[in-house]
Amino acid sequence: MARILLIVAAVIVGLMLIGPLLGFAFTLLKWGLIIGGVALAVMFVSKWVKSNDHAH
């Protein structure tokens, strides 16, 4: 009986720890996507501006 309670307690503690870790991982992923999107936009705009400079 004590072993079952210990396993249940370990599972509950594990789930409590996984929640914030998953939230942190998704936050990192979100910021990575935002920063990547901004970097792509800056690259695209700089290439577009350079190609316009050569056209004139």
N, C-alpha and C. Protein backbone atom coordinates (compact mmCIF):
# COMPACT_ATOMS: atom_id res chain seq x y z
N MET A 1 0.83 -1.21 0.00
CA MET A 1 0.00 0.00 0.00
C MET A 1 0.87 1.26 0.00
N ALA A 2 1.92 1.25 0.81
CA ALA A 2 2.80 2.42 0.89
C ALA A 2 3.47 2.66 -0.45
N ARG A 3 3.83 1.56 -1.16
CA ARG A 3 4.49 1.70 -2.46
C ARG A 3 3.54 2.35 -3.47
N ILE A 4 2.25 1.97 -3.44
CA ILE A 4 1.27 2.55 -4.36
C ILE A 4 1.12 4.04 -4.08
N LEU A 5 1.03 4.43 -2.81
CA LEU A 5 0.92 5.84 -2.45
C LEU A 5 2.16 6.61 -2.89
N LEU A 6 3.33 5.99 -2.75
CA LEU A 6 4.57 6.63 -3.17
C LEU A 6 4.58 6.85 -4.68
N ILE A 7 4.11 5.86 -5.45
CA ILE A 7 4.04 5.98 -6.91
C ILE A 7 3.06 7.08 -7.30
N VAL A 8 1.90 7.10 -6.64
CA VAL A 8 0.90 8.14 -6.93
C VAL A 8 1.47 9.52 -6.61
N ALA A 9 2.14 9.67 -5.48
CA ALA A 9 2.74 10.95 -5.10
C ALA A 9 3.81 11.35 -6.12
N ALA A 10 4.61 10.39 -6.58
CA ALA A 10 5.66 10.68 -7.55
C ALA A 10 5.05 11.15 -8.88
N VAL A 11 3.95 10.50 -9.29
CA VAL A 11 3.27 10.89 -10.54
C VAL A 11 2.72 12.31 -10.41
N ILE A 12 2.09 12.62 -9.28
CA ILE A 12 1.52 13.96 -9.07
C ILE A 12 2.62 15.01 -9.07
N VAL A 13 3.72 14.75 -8.37
CA VAL A 13 4.85 15.69 -8.33
C VAL A 13 5.43 15.85 -9.73
N GLY A 14 5.55 14.74 -10.46
CA GLY A 14 6.06 14.79 -11.83
C GLY A 14 5.19 15.66 -12.72
N LEU A 15 3.88 15.49 -12.62
CA LEU A 15 2.97 16.31 -13.43
C LEU A 15 3.06 17.79 -13.04
N MET A 16 3.21 18.06 -11.74
CA MET A 16 3.33 19.44 -11.30
C MET A 16 4.60 20.07 -11.84
N LEU A 17 5.68 19.28 -11.96
CA LEU A 17 6.93 19.82 -12.49
C LEU A 17 6.89 19.93 -14.01
N ILE A 18 6.20 19.01 -14.69
CA ILE A 18 6.15 19.02 -16.16
C ILE A 18 5.37 20.23 -16.66
N GLY A 19 4.34 20.66 -15.96
CA GLY A 19 3.52 21.79 -16.39
C GLY A 19 4.33 23.05 -16.67
N PRO A 20 5.04 23.56 -15.67
CA PRO A 20 5.86 24.76 -15.91
C PRO A 20 6.96 24.53 -16.95
N LEU A 21 7.54 23.33 -16.97
CA LEU A 21 8.59 23.05 -17.95
C LEU A 21 8.03 23.10 -19.37
N LEU A 22 6.84 22.54 -19.57
CA LEU A 22 6.21 22.60 -20.89
C LEU A 22 5.87 24.04 -21.24
N GLY A 23 5.36 24.80 -20.27
CA GLY A 23 5.06 26.19 -20.52
C GLY A 23 6.30 26.97 -20.92
N PHE A 24 7.41 26.70 -20.24
CA PHE A 24 8.68 27.37 -20.56
C PHE A 24 9.15 26.97 -21.95
N ALA A 25 9.03 25.68 -22.29
CA ALA A 25 9.45 25.21 -23.62
C ALA A 25 8.62 25.88 -24.71
N PHE A 26 7.31 25.97 -24.50
CA PHE A 26 6.45 26.61 -25.50
C PHE A 26 6.73 28.11 -25.59
N THR A 27 7.08 28.73 -24.47
CA THR A 27 7.44 30.15 -24.50
C THR A 27 8.71 30.35 -25.32
N LEU A 28 9.70 29.47 -25.11
CA LEU A 28 10.94 29.56 -25.90
C LEU A 28 10.64 29.35 -27.38
N LEU A 29 9.79 28.36 -27.68
CA LEU A 29 9.44 28.09 -29.07
C LEU A 29 8.74 29.29 -29.69
N LYS A 30 7.82 29.88 -28.95
CA LYS A 30 7.09 31.06 -29.46
C LYS A 30 8.04 32.20 -29.77
N TRP A 31 8.95 32.51 -28.84
CA TRP A 31 9.89 33.60 -29.05
C TRP A 31 10.87 33.28 -30.18
N GLY A 32 11.24 31.99 -30.29
CA GLY A 32 12.11 31.59 -31.39
C GLY A 32 11.44 31.81 -32.73
N LEU A 33 10.17 31.47 -32.82
CA LEU A 33 9.43 31.69 -34.07
C LEU A 33 9.27 33.18 -34.36
N ILE A 34 9.00 33.98 -33.33
CA ILE A 34 8.85 35.43 -33.53
C ILE A 34 10.16 36.03 -34.02
N ILE A 35 11.26 35.68 -33.34
CA ILE A 35 12.57 36.24 -33.71
C ILE A 35 12.96 35.76 -35.11
N GLY A 36 12.69 34.48 -35.41
CA GLY A 36 12.99 33.95 -36.75
C GLY A 36 12.18 34.67 -37.82
N GLY A 37 10.92 34.92 -37.55
CA GLY A 37 10.07 35.63 -38.51
C GLY A 37 10.55 37.05 -38.75
N VAL A 38 10.93 37.73 -37.68
CA VAL A 38 11.44 39.10 -37.82
C VAL A 38 12.75 39.08 -38.61
N ALA A 39 13.63 38.11 -38.33
CA ALA A 39 14.90 38.03 -39.04
C ALA A 39 14.66 37.77 -40.53
N LEU A 40 13.71 36.88 -40.85
CA LEU A 40 13.38 36.62 -42.25
C LEU A 40 12.83 37.86 -42.93
N ALA A 41 11.97 38.58 -42.24
CA ALA A 41 11.40 39.80 -42.81
C ALA A 41 12.48 40.84 -43.07
N VAL A 42 13.41 41.00 -42.13
CA VAL A 42 14.50 41.96 -42.30
C VAL A 42 15.38 41.56 -43.48
N MET A 43 15.68 40.25 -43.60
CA MET A 43 16.48 39.78 -44.73
C MET A 43 15.78 40.05 -46.05
N PHE A 44 14.48 39.75 -46.10
CA PHE A 44 13.71 39.95 -47.32
C PHE A 44 13.67 41.42 -47.71
N VAL A 45 13.41 42.28 -46.72
CA VAL A 45 13.32 43.72 -47.00
C VAL A 45 14.69 44.25 -47.45
N SER A 46 15.77 43.81 -46.80
CA SER A 46 17.09 44.31 -47.18
C SER A 46 17.46 43.85 -48.59
N LYS A 47 17.12 42.61 -48.95
CA LYS A 47 17.38 42.14 -50.32
C LYS A 47 16.53 42.93 -51.31
N TRP A 48 15.28 43.19 -50.95
CA TRP A 48 14.38 43.92 -51.84
C TRP A 48 14.88 45.35 -52.06
N VAL A 49 15.36 45.98 -50.98
CA VAL A 49 15.87 47.35 -51.09
C VAL A 49 17.13 47.36 -51.94
N LYS A 50 18.01 46.37 -51.75
CA LYS A 50 19.24 46.31 -52.55
C LYS A 50 18.92 46.09 -54.02
N SER A 51 17.93 45.23 -54.32
CA SER A 51 17.59 44.98 -55.72
C SER A 51 16.96 46.23 -56.35
N ASN A 52 16.23 47.00 -55.57
CA ASN A 52 15.66 48.26 -56.07
C ASN A 52 16.75 49.29 -56.33
N ASP A 53 17.80 49.31 -55.50
CA ASP A 53 18.90 50.23 -55.70
C ASP A 53 19.62 49.95 -57.01
N HIS A 54 19.80 48.68 -57.34
CA HIS A 54 20.49 48.31 -58.58
C HIS A 54 19.63 48.56 -59.81
N ALA A 55 18.31 48.55 -59.66
CA ALA A 55 17.41 48.74 -60.79
C ALA A 55 17.49 50.18 -61.30
N HIS A 56 17.72 51.12 -60.38
CA HIS A 56 17.74 52.54 -60.79
C HIS A 56 19.06 52.89 -61.35
